Amino acid sequence: MSVNINDKDHNQEKRLTPALYTLLEACLEKKTTNTKILATHLGLSPATIRTEFQRILAFMNVHCRYEALRTAEEKGLIRRKPRAKKVS
């Protein structure tokens, strides 16, 4: 059996879904990867948060949530928002 490398699905670039980007951005915003905190913040169930993190880890081929955040930042997928300057 041969594989057609011109197959549309084969050549389609894999990307994170908007929901997964939202989760990564929420981690930065809340400064945590805690399942319960993120579930409450995003209005999702803890099981959904765990599933989405598993997808992120597999997509990025990393082993932990912090490594996923670091990798996403390094690849330019997400950015930390600059801290607001204190006004005296």
PDB file of N, CA and C in Angstrom:
ATOM      1  N   MET A   1       0.841  -1.165   0.000  1.00  0.00           N
ATOM      2  CA  MET A   1       0.000   0.000   0.000  1.00  0.00           C
ATOM      3  C   MET A   1       0.894   1.238   0.000  1.00  0.00           C
ATOM      4  N   SER A   2       0.547   2.233  -0.828  1.00  0.00           N
ATOM      5  CA  SER A   2       1.344   3.457  -0.882  1.00  0.00           C
ATOM      6  C   SER A   2       0.560   4.617  -0.275  1.00  0.00           C
ATOM      7  N   VAL A   3       1.292   5.613   0.140  1.00  0.00           N
ATOM      8  CA  VAL A   3       0.683   6.802   0.734  1.00  0.00           C
ATOM      9  C   VAL A   3       0.907   7.960  -0.212  1.00  0.00           C
ATOM     10  N   ASN A   4      -0.158   8.653  -0.545  1.00  0.00           N
ATOM     11  CA  ASN A   4      -0.064   9.806  -1.428  1.00  0.00           C
ATOM     12  C   ASN A   4       0.337  11.022  -0.602  1.00  0.00           C
ATOM     13  N   ILE A   5       1.564  11.517  -0.790  1.00  0.00           N
ATOM     14  CA  ILE A   5       2.019  12.658   0.005  1.00  0.00           C
ATOM     15  C   ILE A   5       1.347  13.956  -0.416  1.00  0.00           C
ATOM     16  N   ASN A   6       0.618  13.927  -1.516  1.00  0.00           N
ATOM     17  CA  ASN A   6      -0.112  15.119  -1.945  1.00  0.00           C
ATOM     18  C   ASN A   6      -1.518  15.162  -1.371  1.00  0.00           C
ATOM     19  N   ASP A   7      -1.827  14.188  -0.559  1.00  0.00           N
ATOM     20  CA  ASP A   7      -3.126  14.127   0.105  1.00  0.00           C
ATOM     21  C   ASP A   7      -3.344  15.403   0.911  1.00  0.00           C
ATOM     22  N   LYS A   8      -4.510  16.013   0.791  1.00  0.00           N
ATOM     23  CA  LYS A   8      -4.790  17.279   1.478  1.00  0.00           C
ATOM     24  C   LYS A   8      -4.576  17.159   2.988  1.00  0.00           C
ATOM     25  N   ASP A   9      -5.092  16.101   3.603  1.00  0.00           N
ATOM     26  CA  ASP A   9      -4.960  15.927   5.049  1.00  0.00           C
ATOM     27  C   ASP A   9      -3.504  15.716   5.455  1.00  0.00           C
ATOM     28  N   HIS A  10      -2.744  15.057   4.605  1.00  0.00           N
ATOM     29  CA  HIS A  10      -1.348  14.780   4.933  1.00  0.00           C
ATOM     30  C   HIS A  10      -0.522  16.066   4.966  1.00  0.00           C
ATOM     31  N   ASN A  11      -0.793  16.984   4.063  1.00  0.00           N
ATOM     32  CA  ASN A  11       0.000  18.205   3.968  1.00  0.00           C
ATOM     33  C   ASN A  11      -0.518  19.338   4.837  1.00  0.00           C
ATOM     34  N   GLN A  12      -1.704  19.180   5.372  1.00  0.00           N
ATOM     35  CA  GLN A  12      -2.279  20.260   6.170  1.00  0.00           C
ATOM     36  C   GLN A  12      -1.463  20.446   7.450  1.00  0.00           C
ATOM     37  N   GLU A  13      -1.054  21.696   7.687  1.00  0.00           N
ATOM     38  CA  GLU A  13      -0.247  22.004   8.868  1.00  0.00           C
ATOM     39  C   GLU A  13      -1.100  21.856  10.119  1.00  0.00           C
ATOM     40  N   LYS A  14      -0.547  21.198  11.126  1.00  0.00           N
ATOM     41  CA  LYS A  14      -1.266  21.051  12.390  1.00  0.00           C
ATOM     42  C   LYS A  14      -1.163  22.344  13.171  1.00  0.00           C
ATOM     43  N   ARG A  15      -2.267  22.744  13.770  1.00  0.00           N
ATOM     44  CA  ARG A  15      -2.298  23.969  14.563  1.00  0.00           C
ATOM     45  C   ARG A  15      -3.098  23.730  15.833  1.00  0.00           C
ATOM     46  N   LEU A  16      -2.817  24.555  16.821  1.00  0.00           N
ATOM     47  CA  LEU A  16      -3.621  24.517  18.039  1.00  0.00           C
ATOM     48  C   LEU A  16      -4.986  25.117  17.739  1.00  0.00           C
ATOM     49  N   THR A  17      -5.998  24.589  18.388  1.00  0.00           N
ATOM     50  CA  THR A  17      -7.340  25.146  18.225  1.00  0.00           C
ATOM     51  C   THR A  17      -7.452  26.438  19.033  1.00  0.00           C
ATOM     52  N   PRO A  18      -8.431  27.284  18.710  1.00  0.00           N
ATOM     53  CA  PRO A  18      -8.626  28.505  19.503  1.00  0.00           C
ATOM     54  C   PRO A  18      -8.827  28.210  20.991  1.00  0.00           C
ATOM     55  N   ALA A  19      -9.503  27.121  21.313  1.00  0.00           N
ATOM     56  CA  ALA A  19      -9.727  26.767  22.721  1.00  0.00           C
ATOM     57  C   ALA A  19      -8.406  26.477  23.437  1.00  0.00           C
ATOM     58  N   LEU A  20      -7.478  25.849  22.740  1.00  0.00           N
ATOM     59  CA  LEU A  20      -6.188  25.541  23.356  1.00  0.00           C
ATOM     60  C   LEU A  20      -5.348  26.802  23.532  1.00  0.00           C
ATOM     61  N   TYR A  21      -5.425  27.715  22.558  1.00  0.00           N
ATOM     62  CA  TYR A  21      -4.758  29.014  22.724  1.00  0.00           C
ATOM     63  C   TYR A  21      -5.335  29.750  23.927  1.00  0.00           C
ATOM     64  N   THR A  22      -6.657  29.713  24.060  1.00  0.00           N
ATOM     65  CA  THR A  22      -7.319  30.383  25.180  1.00  0.00           C
ATOM     66  C   THR A  22      -6.826  29.822  26.504  1.00  0.00           C
ATOM     67  N   LEU A  23      -6.672  28.519  26.581  1.00  0.00           N
ATOM     68  CA  LEU A  23      -6.180  27.891  27.809  1.00  0.00           C
ATOM     69  C   LEU A  23      -4.750  28.340  28.117  1.00  0.00           C
ATOM     70  N   LEU A  24      -3.888  28.346  27.122  1.00  0.00           N
ATOM     71  CA  LEU A  24      -2.505  28.789  27.342  1.00  0.00           C
ATOM     72  C   LEU A  24      -2.458  30.247  27.792  1.00  0.00           C
ATOM     73  N   GLU A  25      -3.266  31.088  27.166  1.00  0.00           N
ATOM     74  CA  GLU A  25      -3.298  32.498  27.547  1.00  0.00           C
ATOM     75  C   GLU A  25      -3.849  32.675  28.960  1.00  0.00           C
ATOM     76  N   ALA A  26      -4.832  31.858  29.334  1.00  0.00           N
ATOM     77  CA  ALA A  26      -5.384  31.921  30.687  1.00  0.00           C
ATOM     78  C   ALA A  26      -4.325  31.532  31.720  1.00  0.00           C
ATOM     79  N   CYS A  27      -3.471  30.582  31.379  1.00  0.00           N
ATOM     80  CA  CYS A  27      -2.372  30.195  32.283  1.00  0.00           C
ATOM     81  C   CYS A  27      -1.466  31.383  32.559  1.00  0.00           C
ATOM     82  N   LEU A  28      -1.155  32.131  31.520  1.00  0.00           N
ATOM     83  CA  LEU A  28      -0.307  33.310  31.697  1.00  0.00           C
ATOM     84  C   LEU A  28      -1.032  34.387  32.491  1.00  0.00           C
ATOM     85  N   GLU A  29      -2.296  34.602  32.156  1.00  0.00           N
ATOM     86  CA  GLU A  29      -3.078  35.644  32.834  1.00  0.00           C
ATOM     87  C   GLU A  29      -3.223  35.357  34.322  1.00  0.00           C
ATOM     88  N   LYS A  30      -3.541  34.119  34.655  1.00  0.00           N
ATOM     89  CA  LYS A  30      -3.749  33.731  36.049  1.00  0.00           C
ATOM     90  C   LYS A  30      -2.457  33.319  36.750  1.00  0.00           C
ATOM     91  N   LYS A  31      -1.380  33.182  35.988  1.00  0.00           N
ATOM     92  CA  LYS A  31      -0.073  32.780  36.521  1.00  0.00           C
ATOM     93  C   LYS A  31      -0.137  31.437  37.244  1.00  0.00           C
ATOM     94  N   THR A  32      -0.843  30.494  36.614  1.00  0.00           N
ATOM     95  CA  THR A  32      -0.975  29.157  37.188  1.00  0.00           C
ATOM     96  C   THR A  32      -1.323  28.157  36.095  1.00  0.00           C
ATOM     97  N   THR A  33      -1.089  26.887  36.392  1.00  0.00           N
ATOM     98  CA  THR A  33      -1.579  25.816  35.532  1.00  0.00           C
ATOM     99  C   THR A  33      -2.539  24.926  36.327  1.00  0.00           C
ATOM    100  N   ASN A  34      -3.003  25.428  37.460  1.00  0.00           N
ATOM    101  CA  ASN A  34      -3.907  24.678  38.329  1.00  0.00           C
ATOM    102  C   ASN A  34      -5.238  24.425  37.624  1.00  0.00           C
ATOM    103  N   THR A  35      -5.620  23.174  37.556  1.00  0.00           N
ATOM    104  CA  THR A  35      -6.826  22.769  36.841  1.00  0.00           C
ATOM    105  C   THR A  35      -8.076  23.456  37.374  1.00  0.00           C
ATOM    106  N   LYS A  36      -8.266  23.455  38.691  1.00  0.00           N
ATOM    107  CA  LYS A  36      -9.491  24.027  39.271  1.00  0.00           C
ATOM    108  C   LYS A  36      -9.580  25.527  39.041  1.00  0.00           C
ATOM    109  N   ILE A  37      -8.471  26.231  39.203  1.00  0.00           N
ATOM    110  CA  ILE A  37      -8.471  27.683  39.003  1.00  0.00           C
ATOM    111  C   ILE A  37      -8.788  28.014  37.546  1.00  0.00           C
ATOM    112  N   LEU A  38      -8.160  27.301  36.619  1.00  0.00           N
ATOM    113  CA  LEU A  38      -8.391  27.562  35.201  1.00  0.00           C
ATOM    114  C   LEU A  38      -9.810  27.186  34.783  1.00  0.00           C
ATOM    115  N   ALA A  39     -10.332  26.094  35.330  1.00  0.00           N
ATOM    116  CA  ALA A  39     -11.703  25.684  35.014  1.00  0.00           C
ATOM    117  C   ALA A  39     -12.695  26.750  35.456  1.00  0.00           C
ATOM    118  N   THR A  40     -12.513  27.271  36.654  1.00  0.00           N
ATOM    119  CA  THR A  40     -13.392  28.329  37.162  1.00  0.00           C
ATOM    120  C   THR A  40     -13.261  29.581  36.312  1.00  0.00           C
ATOM    121  N   HIS A  41     -12.046  29.970  36.008  1.00  0.00           N
ATOM    122  CA  HIS A  41     -11.790  31.181  35.222  1.00  0.00           C
ATOM    123  C   HIS A  41     -12.403  31.092  33.825  1.00  0.00           C
ATOM    124  N   LEU A  42     -12.290  29.929  33.187  1.00  0.00           N
ATOM    125  CA  LEU A  42     -12.768  29.766  31.815  1.00  0.00           C
ATOM    126  C   LEU A  42     -14.199  29.252  31.723  1.00  0.00           C
ATOM    127  N   GLY A  43     -14.783  28.896  32.869  1.00  0.00           N
ATOM    128  CA  GLY A  43     -16.152  28.379  32.863  1.00  0.00           C
ATOM    129  C   GLY A  43     -16.253  26.995  32.239  1.00  0.00           C
ATOM    130  N   LEU A  44     -15.215  26.194  32.436  1.00  0.00           N
ATOM    131  CA  LEU A  44     -15.176  24.837  31.901  1.00  0.00           C
ATOM    132  C   LEU A  44     -15.040  23.844  33.043  1.00  0.00           C
ATOM    133  N   SER A  45     -15.260  22.578  32.746  1.00  0.00           N
ATOM    134  CA  SER A  45     -15.088  21.560  33.782  1.00  0.00           C
ATOM    135  C   SER A  45     -13.602  21.234  33.937  1.00  0.00           C
ATOM    136  N   PRO A  46     -13.205  20.791  35.135  1.00  0.00           N
ATOM    137  CA  PRO A  46     -11.814  20.368  35.322  1.00  0.00           C
ATOM    138  C   PRO A  46     -11.401  19.264  34.340  1.00  0.00           C
ATOM    139  N   ALA A  47     -12.326  18.374  34.014  1.00  0.00           N
ATOM    140  CA  ALA A  47     -12.010  17.299  33.063  1.00  0.00           C
ATOM    141  C   ALA A  47     -11.669  17.867  31.688  1.00  0.00           C
ATOM    142  N   THR A  48     -12.374  18.908  31.279  1.00  0.00           N
ATOM    143  CA  THR A  48     -12.087  19.549  29.992  1.00  0.00           C
ATOM    144  C   THR A  48     -10.706  20.184  30.004  1.00  0.00           C
ATOM    145  N   ILE A  49     -10.357  20.836  31.103  1.00  0.00           N
ATOM    146  CA  ILE A  49      -9.033  21.460  31.223  1.00  0.00           C
ATOM    147  C   ILE A  49      -7.947  20.393  31.119  1.00  0.00           C
ATOM    148  N   ARG A  50      -8.124  19.280  31.820  1.00  0.00           N
ATOM    149  CA  ARG A  50      -7.131  18.196  31.768  1.00  0.00           C
ATOM    150  C   ARG A  50      -6.995  17.646  30.344  1.00  0.00           C
ATOM    151  N   THR A  51      -8.124  17.445  29.669  1.00  0.00           N
ATOM    152  CA  THR A  51      -8.105  16.933  28.297  1.00  0.00           C
ATOM    153  C   THR A  51      -7.400  17.907  27.361  1.00  0.00           C
ATOM    154  N   GLU A  52      -7.709  19.192  27.500  1.00  0.00           N
ATOM    155  CA  GLU A  52      -7.078  20.191  26.642  1.00  0.00           C
ATOM    156  C   GLU A  52      -5.573  20.252  26.890  1.00  0.00           C
ATOM    157  N   PHE A  53      -5.155  20.118  28.150  1.00  0.00           N
ATOM    158  CA  PHE A  53      -3.720  20.102  28.432  1.00  0.00           C
ATOM    159  C   PHE A  53      -3.064  18.872  27.813  1.00  0.00           C
ATOM    160  N   GLN A  54      -3.718  17.733  27.846  1.00  0.00           N
ATOM    161  CA  GLN A  54      -3.156  16.536  27.225  1.00  0.00           C
ATOM    162  C   GLN A  54      -2.962  16.751  25.727  1.00  0.00           C
ATOM    163  N   ARG A  55      -3.909  17.428  25.088  1.00  0.00           N
ATOM    164  CA  ARG A  55      -3.779  17.736  23.659  1.00  0.00           C
ATOM    165  C   ARG A  55      -2.604  18.674  23.405  1.00  0.00           C
ATOM    166  N   ILE A  56      -2.453  19.675  24.264  1.00  0.00           N
ATOM    167  CA  ILE A  56      -1.341  20.624  24.126  1.00  0.00           C
ATOM    168  C   ILE A  56      -0.004  19.900  24.294  1.00  0.00           C
ATOM    169  N   LEU A  57       0.099  19.061  25.321  1.00  0.00           N
ATOM    170  CA  LEU A  57       1.344  18.331  25.578  1.00  0.00           C
ATOM    171  C   LEU A  57       1.707  17.435  24.392  1.00  0.00           C
ATOM    172  N   ALA A  58       0.721  16.745  23.850  1.00  0.00           N
ATOM    173  CA  ALA A  58       0.967  15.863  22.704  1.00  0.00           C
ATOM    174  C   ALA A  58       1.351  16.680  21.471  1.00  0.00           C
ATOM    175  N   PHE A  59       0.663  17.781  21.238  1.00  0.00           N
ATOM    176  CA  PHE A  59       0.937  18.628  20.078  1.00  0.00           C
ATOM    177  C   PHE A  59       2.366  19.167  20.116  1.00  0.00           C
ATOM    178  N   MET A  60       2.789  19.611  21.292  1.00  0.00           N
ATOM    179  CA  MET A  60       4.115  20.224  21.433  1.00  0.00           C
ATOM    180  C   MET A  60       5.205  19.204  21.748  1.00  0.00           C
ATOM    181  N   ASN A  61       4.803  17.959  21.975  1.00  0.00           N
ATOM    182  CA  ASN A  61       5.740  16.887  22.309  1.00  0.00           C
ATOM    183  C   ASN A  61       6.576  17.247  23.542  1.00  0.00           C
ATOM    184  N   VAL A  62       5.869  17.677  24.592  1.00  0.00           N
ATOM    185  CA  VAL A  62       6.506  18.015  25.864  1.00  0.00           C
ATOM    186  C   VAL A  62       5.867  17.174  26.963  1.00  0.00           C
ATOM    187  N   HIS A  63       6.442  17.235  28.168  1.00  0.00           N
ATOM    188  CA  HIS A  63       5.997  16.343  29.235  1.00  0.00           C
ATOM    189  C   HIS A  63       5.272  17.012  30.389  1.00  0.00           C
ATOM    190  N   CYS A  64       5.326  18.337  30.474  1.00  0.00           N
ATOM    191  CA  CYS A  64       4.633  18.992  31.577  1.00  0.00           C
ATOM    192  C   CYS A  64       4.042  20.322  31.116  1.00  0.00           C
ATOM    193  N   ARG A  65       3.122  20.826  31.901  1.00  0.00           N
ATOM    194  CA  ARG A  65       2.408  22.052  31.552  1.00  0.00           C
ATOM    195  C   ARG A  65       3.333  23.257  31.462  1.00  0.00           C
ATOM    196  N   TYR A  66       4.281  23.355  32.374  1.00  0.00           N
ATOM    197  CA  TYR A  66       5.205  24.496  32.349  1.00  0.00           C
ATOM    198  C   TYR A  66       6.086  24.464  31.104  1.00  0.00           C
ATOM    199  N   GLU A  67       6.496  23.279  30.726  1.00  0.00           N
ATOM    200  CA  GLU A  67       7.298  23.136  29.510  1.00  0.00           C
ATOM    201  C   GLU A  67       6.467  23.531  28.286  1.00  0.00           C
ATOM    202  N   ALA A  68       5.183  23.211  28.302  1.00  0.00           N
ATOM    203  CA  ALA A  68       4.291  23.601  27.205  1.00  0.00           C
ATOM    204  C   ALA A  68       4.181  25.118  27.111  1.00  0.00           C
ATOM    205  N   LEU A  69       4.044  25.781  28.259  1.00  0.00           N
ATOM    206  CA  LEU A  69       3.967  27.247  28.259  1.00  0.00           C
ATOM    207  C   LEU A  69       5.259  27.860  27.735  1.00  0.00           C
ATOM    208  N   ARG A  70       6.380  27.352  28.207  1.00  0.00           N
ATOM    209  CA  ARG A  70       7.677  27.878  27.763  1.00  0.00           C
ATOM    210  C   ARG A  70       7.850  27.674  26.259  1.00  0.00           C
ATOM    211  N   THR A  71       7.496  26.497  25.771  1.00  0.00           N
ATOM    212  CA  THR A  71       7.613  26.195  24.347  1.00  0.00           C
ATOM    213  C   THR A  71       6.697  27.090  23.525  1.00  0.00           C
ATOM    214  N   ALA A  72       5.479  27.296  24.001  1.00  0.00           N
ATOM    215  CA  ALA A  72       4.532  28.160  23.285  1.00  0.00           C
ATOM    216  C   ALA A  72       5.058  29.588  23.198  1.00  0.00           C
ATOM    217  N   GLU A  73       5.669  30.062  24.275  1.00  0.00           N
ATOM    218  CA  GLU A  73       6.258  31.410  24.264  1.00  0.00           C
ATOM    219  C   GLU A  73       7.448  31.474  23.309  1.00  0.00           C
ATOM    220  N   GLU A  74       8.310  30.472  23.350  1.00  0.00           N
ATOM    221  CA  GLU A  74       9.495  30.451  22.485  1.00  0.00           C
ATOM    222  C   GLU A  74       9.121  30.425  21.010  1.00  0.00           C
ATOM    223  N   LYS A  75       8.023  29.721  20.682  1.00  0.00           N
ATOM    224  CA  LYS A  75       7.581  29.626  19.293  1.00  0.00           C
ATOM    225  C   LYS A  75       6.717  30.814  18.874  1.00  0.00           C
ATOM    226  N   GLY A  76       6.459  31.706  19.823  1.00  0.00           N
ATOM    227  CA  GLY A  76       5.659  32.885  19.501  1.00  0.00           C
ATOM    228  C   GLY A  76       4.165  32.620  19.420  1.00  0.00           C
ATOM    229  N   LEU A  77       3.718  31.497  19.976  1.00  0.00           N
ATOM    230  CA  LEU A  77       2.292  31.173  19.950  1.00  0.00           C
ATOM    231  C   LEU A  77       1.510  32.016  20.946  1.00  0.00           C
ATOM    232  N   ILE A  78       2.152  32.351  22.057  1.00  0.00           N
ATOM    233  CA  ILE A  78       1.535  33.206  23.074  1.00  0.00           C
ATOM    234  C   ILE A  78       2.591  34.182  23.573  1.00  0.00           C
ATOM    235  N   ARG A  79       2.124  35.279  24.131  1.00  0.00           N
ATOM    236  CA  ARG A  79       3.043  36.281  24.682  1.00  0.00           C
ATOM    237  C   ARG A  79       2.550  36.735  26.035  1.00  0.00           C
ATOM    238  N   ARG A  80       3.507  36.952  26.903  1.00  0.00           N
ATOM    239  CA  ARG A  80       3.167  37.547  28.195  1.00  0.00           C
ATOM    240  C   ARG A  80       2.842  39.005  27.960  1.00  0.00           C
ATOM    241  N   LYS A  81       1.813  39.471  28.644  1.00  0.00           N
ATOM    242  CA  LYS A  81       1.472  40.886  28.546  1.00  0.00           C
ATOM    243  C   LYS A  81       2.421  41.670  29.437  1.00  0.00           C
ATOM    244  N   PRO A  82       2.915  42.813  28.945  1.00  0.00           N
ATOM    245  CA  PRO A  82       3.821  43.595  29.785  1.00  0.00           C
ATOM    246  C   PRO A  82       3.113  44.083  31.035  1.00  0.00           C
ATOM    247  N   ARG A  83       3.867  44.119  32.121  1.00  0.00           N
ATOM    248  CA  ARG A  83       3.299  44.602  33.382  1.00  0.00           C
ATOM    249  C   ARG A  83       3.040  46.089  33.285  1.00  0.00           C
ATOM    250  N   ALA A  84       1.951  46.499  33.903  1.00  0.00           N
ATOM    251  CA  ALA A  84       1.638  47.926  33.950  1.00  0.00           C
ATOM    252  C   ALA A  84       2.633  48.613  34.873  1.00  0.00           C
ATOM    253  N   LYS A  85       3.070  49.774  34.462  1.00  0.00           N
ATOM    254  CA  LYS A  85       4.018  50.520  35.294  1.00  0.00           C
ATOM    255  C   LYS A  85       3.287  51.145  36.461  1.00  0.00           C
ATOM    256  N   LYS A  86       3.947  51.109  37.617  1.00  0.00           N
ATOM    257  CA  LYS A  86       3.365  51.725  38.812  1.00  0.00           C
ATOM    258  C   LYS A  86       3.446  53.235  38.687  1.00  0.00           C
ATOM    259  N   VAL A  87       2.345  53.874  39.023  1.00  0.00           N
ATOM    260  CA  VAL A  87       2.310  55.330  39.023  1.00  0.00           C
ATOM    261  C   VAL A  87       2.461  55.788  40.459  1.00  0.00           C
ATOM    262  N   SER A  88       3.436  56.648  40.696  1.00  0.00           N
ATOM    263  CA  SER A  88       3.692  57.115  42.069  1.00  0.00           C
ATOM    264  C   SER A  88       2.773  58.244  42.433  1.00  0.00           C
TER     265      SER A  88
END
